[in-house]
Amino acid sequence: MTVHILTGLEKRELAGQVFRDQQFDEVDFSGANLSGARFESVSLQSCDFRHADLRGAAFINCDLRGACLFEAALGDNDFVGSWFAGVAGLTVEQIRYVFRKGGTFSTIGKPPTAPRSRQDTP
């Protein structure tokens, strides 16, 4: 297993960025500022998002299986069609929030595309 580590400067410059059709498996995003970032059809399996600022971030049709989300900041997110099976660190309230915002925790098959939710608080 290879873990890719970003520098502190790189982690601060990710806010508002758009990523499409990429594979970022096992990347260390811990403490990163990903506020307002947009991920579309991105594989983020086993990524470390501990203490990351994910407020306003959109994850559309992404694969976040096995990701670590301990103390990640959520709010005003979009998770339509994204797969969260086996993630660690989400509270019960955050799990419900991710589900309301279109994410799935199923361990079988591909994640379904879910309708958008207007509830914006975890």
N, C-alpha and C. Protein backbone atom coordinates (compact mmCIF):
# COMPACT_ATOMS: atom_id res chain seq x y z
N MET A 1 0.84 -1.18 0.00
CA MET A 1 0.00 0.00 0.00
C MET A 1 0.89 1.24 0.00
N THR A 2 0.65 2.15 -0.93
CA THR A 2 1.39 3.40 -1.02
C THR A 2 0.47 4.55 -0.63
N VAL A 3 0.90 5.34 0.32
CA VAL A 3 0.13 6.50 0.74
C VAL A 3 0.81 7.75 0.17
N HIS A 4 0.05 8.56 -0.54
CA HIS A 4 0.58 9.79 -1.11
C HIS A 4 0.34 10.93 -0.13
N ILE A 5 1.40 11.66 0.19
CA ILE A 5 1.32 12.73 1.18
C ILE A 5 1.53 14.08 0.50
N LEU A 6 0.59 14.98 0.73
CA LEU A 6 0.70 16.34 0.21
C LEU A 6 1.40 17.21 1.23
N THR A 7 2.10 18.23 0.77
CA THR A 7 2.74 19.18 1.69
C THR A 7 1.66 20.06 2.31
N GLY A 8 2.01 20.73 3.41
CA GLY A 8 1.08 21.65 4.06
C GLY A 8 0.62 22.74 3.11
N LEU A 9 1.52 23.26 2.29
CA LEU A 9 1.16 24.30 1.33
C LEU A 9 0.17 23.76 0.30
N GLU A 10 0.42 22.57 -0.21
CA GLU A 10 -0.48 21.96 -1.19
C GLU A 10 -1.87 21.76 -0.58
N LYS A 11 -1.93 21.35 0.67
CA LYS A 11 -3.21 21.12 1.34
C LYS A 11 -4.00 22.41 1.53
N ARG A 12 -3.31 23.53 1.68
CA ARG A 12 -4.00 24.82 1.86
C ARG A 12 -4.51 25.38 0.53
N GLU A 13 -3.97 24.90 -0.58
CA GLU A 13 -4.32 25.46 -1.90
C GLU A 13 -5.39 24.65 -2.64
N LEU A 14 -6.07 23.75 -1.97
CA LEU A 14 -7.05 22.89 -2.62
C LEU A 14 -8.47 23.46 -2.60
N ALA A 15 -8.72 24.47 -1.79
CA ALA A 15 -10.05 25.04 -1.68
C ALA A 15 -10.54 25.52 -3.05
N GLY A 16 -11.77 25.14 -3.38
CA GLY A 16 -12.39 25.60 -4.61
C GLY A 16 -11.90 24.92 -5.88
N GLN A 17 -10.99 23.99 -5.78
CA GLN A 17 -10.47 23.31 -6.97
C GLN A 17 -11.50 22.31 -7.50
N VAL A 18 -11.40 22.00 -8.79
CA VAL A 18 -12.28 21.03 -9.43
C VAL A 18 -11.43 19.87 -9.92
N PHE A 19 -11.87 18.65 -9.56
CA PHE A 19 -11.17 17.43 -9.95
C PHE A 19 -12.16 16.51 -10.65
N ARG A 20 -11.84 16.08 -11.86
CA ARG A 20 -12.72 15.20 -12.63
C ARG A 20 -11.96 13.99 -13.12
N ASP A 21 -12.63 12.82 -13.03
CA ASP A 21 -12.10 11.58 -13.61
C ASP A 21 -10.65 11.33 -13.19
N GLN A 22 -10.39 11.42 -11.90
CA GLN A 22 -9.05 11.22 -11.36
C GLN A 22 -9.04 10.02 -10.42
N GLN A 23 -7.85 9.53 -10.13
CA GLN A 23 -7.69 8.47 -9.13
C GLN A 23 -6.73 8.99 -8.07
N PHE A 24 -7.27 9.27 -6.87
CA PHE A 24 -6.49 9.78 -5.75
C PHE A 24 -6.53 8.80 -4.58
N ASP A 25 -6.51 7.53 -4.84
CA ASP A 25 -6.57 6.53 -3.78
C ASP A 25 -5.39 6.67 -2.83
N GLU A 26 -5.67 6.52 -1.52
CA GLU A 26 -4.67 6.52 -0.45
C GLU A 26 -3.89 7.83 -0.33
N VAL A 27 -4.51 8.94 -0.70
CA VAL A 27 -3.87 10.25 -0.56
C VAL A 27 -4.14 10.78 0.84
N ASP A 28 -3.14 11.41 1.43
CA ASP A 28 -3.25 12.02 2.76
C ASP A 28 -3.77 13.45 2.62
N PHE A 29 -5.08 13.64 2.80
CA PHE A 29 -5.70 14.96 2.79
C PHE A 29 -5.92 15.47 4.22
N SER A 30 -5.29 14.85 5.22
CA SER A 30 -5.54 15.25 6.61
C SER A 30 -5.20 16.72 6.80
N GLY A 31 -6.13 17.44 7.43
CA GLY A 31 -5.95 18.86 7.70
C GLY A 31 -6.06 19.76 6.48
N ALA A 32 -6.42 19.20 5.33
CA ALA A 32 -6.49 19.99 4.09
C ALA A 32 -7.69 20.92 4.08
N ASN A 33 -7.54 22.03 3.38
CA ASN A 33 -8.66 22.94 3.15
C ASN A 33 -9.26 22.58 1.79
N LEU A 34 -10.33 21.79 1.82
CA LEU A 34 -11.03 21.38 0.61
C LEU A 34 -12.39 22.08 0.52
N SER A 35 -12.54 23.17 1.25
CA SER A 35 -13.82 23.88 1.24
C SER A 35 -14.13 24.34 -0.18
N GLY A 36 -15.35 24.07 -0.61
CA GLY A 36 -15.79 24.48 -1.93
C GLY A 36 -15.19 23.68 -3.08
N ALA A 37 -14.39 22.67 -2.79
CA ALA A 37 -13.81 21.84 -3.87
C ALA A 37 -14.91 20.99 -4.49
N ARG A 38 -14.68 20.57 -5.71
CA ARG A 38 -15.64 19.73 -6.42
C ARG A 38 -14.91 18.51 -6.99
N PHE A 39 -15.39 17.33 -6.61
CA PHE A 39 -14.84 16.07 -7.08
C PHE A 39 -15.93 15.38 -7.90
N GLU A 40 -15.66 15.11 -9.16
CA GLU A 40 -16.61 14.44 -10.04
C GLU A 40 -15.99 13.17 -10.60
N SER A 41 -16.60 12.03 -10.31
CA SER A 41 -16.11 10.73 -10.77
C SER A 41 -14.64 10.52 -10.39
N VAL A 42 -14.35 10.75 -9.11
CA VAL A 42 -13.00 10.62 -8.59
C VAL A 42 -12.94 9.44 -7.62
N SER A 43 -11.91 8.62 -7.74
CA SER A 43 -11.68 7.54 -6.80
C SER A 43 -10.83 8.08 -5.65
N LEU A 44 -11.38 7.99 -4.44
CA LEU A 44 -10.72 8.49 -3.23
C LEU A 44 -10.68 7.38 -2.18
N GLN A 45 -10.50 6.15 -2.63
CA GLN A 45 -10.50 5.01 -1.72
C GLN A 45 -9.36 5.12 -0.72
N SER A 46 -9.70 4.84 0.53
CA SER A 46 -8.73 4.80 1.64
C SER A 46 -7.97 6.10 1.84
N CYS A 47 -8.55 7.23 1.45
CA CYS A 47 -7.91 8.53 1.68
C CYS A 47 -8.08 8.94 3.14
N ASP A 48 -7.17 9.76 3.62
CA ASP A 48 -7.19 10.27 4.98
C ASP A 48 -7.69 11.71 4.96
N PHE A 49 -8.92 11.93 5.44
CA PHE A 49 -9.51 13.27 5.51
C PHE A 49 -9.62 13.75 6.96
N ARG A 50 -8.82 13.18 7.88
CA ARG A 50 -8.90 13.61 9.28
C ARG A 50 -8.66 15.12 9.38
N HIS A 51 -9.53 15.79 10.12
CA HIS A 51 -9.43 17.23 10.40
C HIS A 51 -9.47 18.09 9.13
N ALA A 52 -9.91 17.54 8.00
CA ALA A 52 -10.01 18.31 6.76
C ALA A 52 -11.26 19.18 6.79
N ASP A 53 -11.18 20.33 6.15
CA ASP A 53 -12.32 21.22 6.00
C ASP A 53 -13.02 20.85 4.69
N LEU A 54 -14.14 20.16 4.80
CA LEU A 54 -14.89 19.71 3.62
C LEU A 54 -16.18 20.51 3.44
N ARG A 55 -16.31 21.62 4.17
CA ARG A 55 -17.53 22.42 4.07
C ARG A 55 -17.68 22.98 2.65
N GLY A 56 -18.87 22.78 2.10
CA GLY A 56 -19.16 23.27 0.76
C GLY A 56 -18.58 22.41 -0.36
N ALA A 57 -17.91 21.33 -0.02
CA ALA A 57 -17.33 20.46 -1.04
C ALA A 57 -18.40 19.55 -1.64
N ALA A 58 -18.25 19.25 -2.92
CA ALA A 58 -19.16 18.35 -3.62
C ALA A 58 -18.38 17.12 -4.06
N PHE A 59 -18.96 15.96 -3.79
CA PHE A 59 -18.40 14.68 -4.22
C PHE A 59 -19.49 14.01 -5.05
N ILE A 60 -19.38 14.10 -6.35
CA ILE A 60 -20.39 13.59 -7.26
C ILE A 60 -19.89 12.30 -7.91
N ASN A 61 -20.60 11.20 -7.68
CA ASN A 61 -20.23 9.90 -8.24
C ASN A 61 -18.78 9.53 -7.90
N CYS A 62 -18.42 9.71 -6.65
CA CYS A 62 -17.06 9.40 -6.18
C CYS A 62 -17.04 8.12 -5.36
N ASP A 63 -15.88 7.52 -5.28
CA ASP A 63 -15.68 6.29 -4.50
C ASP A 63 -14.81 6.63 -3.29
N LEU A 64 -15.44 6.72 -2.12
CA LEU A 64 -14.73 7.03 -0.89
C LEU A 64 -14.66 5.82 0.04
N ARG A 65 -14.77 4.63 -0.52
CA ARG A 65 -14.72 3.43 0.32
C ARG A 65 -13.44 3.39 1.13
N GLY A 66 -13.59 3.11 2.44
CA GLY A 66 -12.45 2.97 3.32
C GLY A 66 -11.77 4.26 3.72
N ALA A 67 -12.36 5.40 3.39
CA ALA A 67 -11.75 6.68 3.75
C ALA A 67 -11.86 6.94 5.25
N CYS A 68 -10.96 7.74 5.78
CA CYS A 68 -10.95 8.13 7.19
C CYS A 68 -11.43 9.57 7.29
N LEU A 69 -12.52 9.79 8.02
CA LEU A 69 -13.13 11.12 8.11
C LEU A 69 -13.23 11.62 9.56
N PHE A 70 -12.37 11.15 10.44
CA PHE A 70 -12.40 11.60 11.84
C PHE A 70 -12.25 13.11 11.91
N GLU A 71 -13.23 13.75 12.57
CA GLU A 71 -13.23 15.19 12.83
C GLU A 71 -13.11 16.04 11.57
N ALA A 72 -13.58 15.51 10.43
CA ALA A 72 -13.66 16.32 9.22
C ALA A 72 -14.85 17.26 9.35
N ALA A 73 -14.72 18.49 8.88
CA ALA A 73 -15.79 19.47 8.95
C ALA A 73 -16.69 19.33 7.72
N LEU A 74 -17.97 19.02 7.97
CA LEU A 74 -18.96 18.88 6.90
C LEU A 74 -19.99 19.99 7.02
N GLY A 75 -20.63 20.30 5.91
CA GLY A 75 -21.73 21.27 5.88
C GLY A 75 -21.87 21.80 4.47
N ASP A 76 -23.12 21.94 4.02
CA ASP A 76 -23.43 22.44 2.68
C ASP A 76 -22.75 21.59 1.60
N ASN A 77 -22.80 20.27 1.78
CA ASN A 77 -22.15 19.34 0.85
C ASN A 77 -23.13 18.73 -0.13
N ASP A 78 -22.58 18.09 -1.15
CA ASP A 78 -23.33 17.31 -2.11
C ASP A 78 -22.58 16.00 -2.28
N PHE A 79 -23.24 14.87 -2.04
CA PHE A 79 -22.61 13.56 -2.14
C PHE A 79 -23.35 12.65 -3.12
N VAL A 80 -24.05 13.21 -4.09
CA VAL A 80 -24.89 12.44 -5.00
C VAL A 80 -24.08 11.35 -5.70
N GLY A 81 -24.56 10.10 -5.54
CA GLY A 81 -23.96 8.98 -6.22
C GLY A 81 -22.61 8.54 -5.66
N SER A 82 -22.21 9.06 -4.51
CA SER A 82 -20.90 8.70 -3.95
C SER A 82 -21.01 7.56 -2.96
N TRP A 83 -19.97 6.77 -2.90
CA TRP A 83 -19.93 5.51 -2.18
C TRP A 83 -19.08 5.64 -0.93
N PHE A 84 -19.65 5.40 0.25
CA PHE A 84 -18.98 5.57 1.54
C PHE A 84 -18.86 4.27 2.33
N ALA A 85 -18.94 3.12 1.68
CA ALA A 85 -18.85 1.84 2.37
C ALA A 85 -17.50 1.73 3.10
N GLY A 86 -17.55 1.35 4.37
CA GLY A 86 -16.33 1.12 5.14
C GLY A 86 -15.59 2.36 5.59
N VAL A 87 -16.21 3.54 5.52
CA VAL A 87 -15.53 4.74 6.01
C VAL A 87 -15.43 4.70 7.53
N ALA A 88 -14.46 5.40 8.06
CA ALA A 88 -14.26 5.49 9.51
C ALA A 88 -14.36 6.94 9.95
N GLY A 89 -14.88 7.13 11.16
CA GLY A 89 -14.82 8.43 11.79
C GLY A 89 -16.05 9.30 11.69
N LEU A 90 -17.10 8.85 11.03
CA LEU A 90 -18.30 9.66 10.96
C LEU A 90 -19.19 9.37 12.17
N THR A 91 -19.77 10.40 12.72
CA THR A 91 -20.75 10.23 13.79
C THR A 91 -22.06 9.74 13.17
N VAL A 92 -22.99 9.29 14.01
CA VAL A 92 -24.29 8.86 13.52
C VAL A 92 -24.98 10.01 12.78
N GLU A 93 -24.90 11.22 13.32
CA GLU A 93 -25.51 12.38 12.67
C GLU A 93 -24.87 12.65 11.32
N GLN A 94 -23.55 12.50 11.21
CA GLN A 94 -22.87 12.72 9.93
C GLN A 94 -23.23 11.64 8.91
N ILE A 95 -23.39 10.41 9.37
CA ILE A 95 -23.81 9.33 8.47
C ILE A 95 -25.18 9.65 7.89
N ARG A 96 -26.10 10.10 8.73
CA ARG A 96 -27.43 10.48 8.26
C ARG A 96 -27.35 11.65 7.28
N TYR A 97 -26.49 12.61 7.58
CA TYR A 97 -26.31 13.77 6.71
C TYR A 97 -25.80 13.34 5.34
N VAL A 98 -24.77 12.49 5.30
CA VAL A 98 -24.20 12.01 4.03
C VAL A 98 -25.29 11.29 3.24
N PHE A 99 -26.07 10.46 3.91
CA PHE A 99 -27.15 9.74 3.24
C PHE A 99 -28.17 10.72 2.66
N ARG A 100 -28.58 11.73 3.46
CA ARG A 100 -29.55 12.74 2.98
C ARG A 100 -29.01 13.51 1.78
N LYS A 101 -27.71 13.68 1.72
CA LYS A 101 -27.10 14.46 0.65
C LYS A 101 -26.73 13.60 -0.57
N GLY A 102 -27.17 12.33 -0.57
CA GLY A 102 -27.03 11.50 -1.75
C GLY A 102 -25.99 10.41 -1.68
N GLY A 103 -25.26 10.29 -0.58
CA GLY A 103 -24.25 9.24 -0.45
C GLY A 103 -24.87 7.91 -0.08
N THR A 104 -24.14 6.83 -0.33
CA THR A 104 -24.59 5.50 0.04
C THR A 104 -23.50 4.77 0.80
N PHE A 105 -23.93 3.90 1.71
CA PHE A 105 -23.00 3.11 2.51
C PHE A 105 -23.10 1.63 2.15
N SER A 106 -23.75 1.31 1.05
CA SER A 106 -23.93 -0.07 0.62
C SER A 106 -22.58 -0.72 0.33
N THR A 107 -22.49 -2.00 0.64
CA THR A 107 -21.27 -2.75 0.33
C THR A 107 -21.47 -3.64 -0.89
N ILE A 108 -22.63 -3.53 -1.52
CA ILE A 108 -22.94 -4.38 -2.66
C ILE A 108 -23.16 -3.51 -3.90
N GLY A 109 -22.49 -3.86 -4.99
CA GLY A 109 -22.71 -3.20 -6.27
C GLY A 109 -22.18 -1.79 -6.32
N LYS A 110 -22.57 -1.08 -7.36
CA LYS A 110 -22.19 0.32 -7.54
C LYS A 110 -23.17 1.20 -6.81
N PRO A 111 -22.72 2.38 -6.37
CA PRO A 111 -23.64 3.27 -5.67
C PRO A 111 -24.70 3.81 -6.62
N PRO A 112 -25.94 3.92 -6.14
CA PRO A 112 -26.99 4.48 -6.98
C PRO A 112 -26.87 6.00 -7.03
N THR A 113 -27.42 6.59 -8.05
CA THR A 113 -27.50 8.04 -8.11
C THR A 113 -28.73 8.44 -7.32
N ALA A 114 -28.51 9.29 -6.30
CA ALA A 114 -29.61 9.68 -5.42
C ALA A 114 -30.07 11.09 -5.75
N PRO A 115 -31.33 11.40 -5.49
CA PRO A 115 -31.81 12.77 -5.72
C PRO A 115 -31.16 13.74 -4.75
N ARG A 116 -31.08 14.97 -5.15
CA ARG A 116 -30.51 16.02 -4.31
C ARG A 116 -31.38 16.31 -3.11
N SER A 117 -30.72 16.64 -2.01
CA SER A 117 -31.41 17.04 -0.79
C SER A 117 -31.13 18.51 -0.53
N ARG A 118 -32.07 19.23 0.03
CA ARG A 118 -31.87 20.65 0.33
C ARG A 118 -31.45 20.88 1.77
N GLN A 119 -31.29 19.84 2.56
CA GLN A 119 -30.85 20.00 3.95
C GLN A 119 -29.34 20.17 3.94
N ASP A 120 -28.84 21.26 4.49
CA ASP A 120 -27.44 21.60 4.39
C ASP A 120 -26.66 21.54 5.69
N THR A 121 -27.17 20.93 6.71
CA THR A 121 -26.42 20.85 7.95
C THR A 121 -26.23 19.41 8.36
N PRO A 122 -25.01 19.07 8.84
CA PRO A 122 -24.76 17.70 9.25
C PRO A 122 -25.49 17.35 10.53
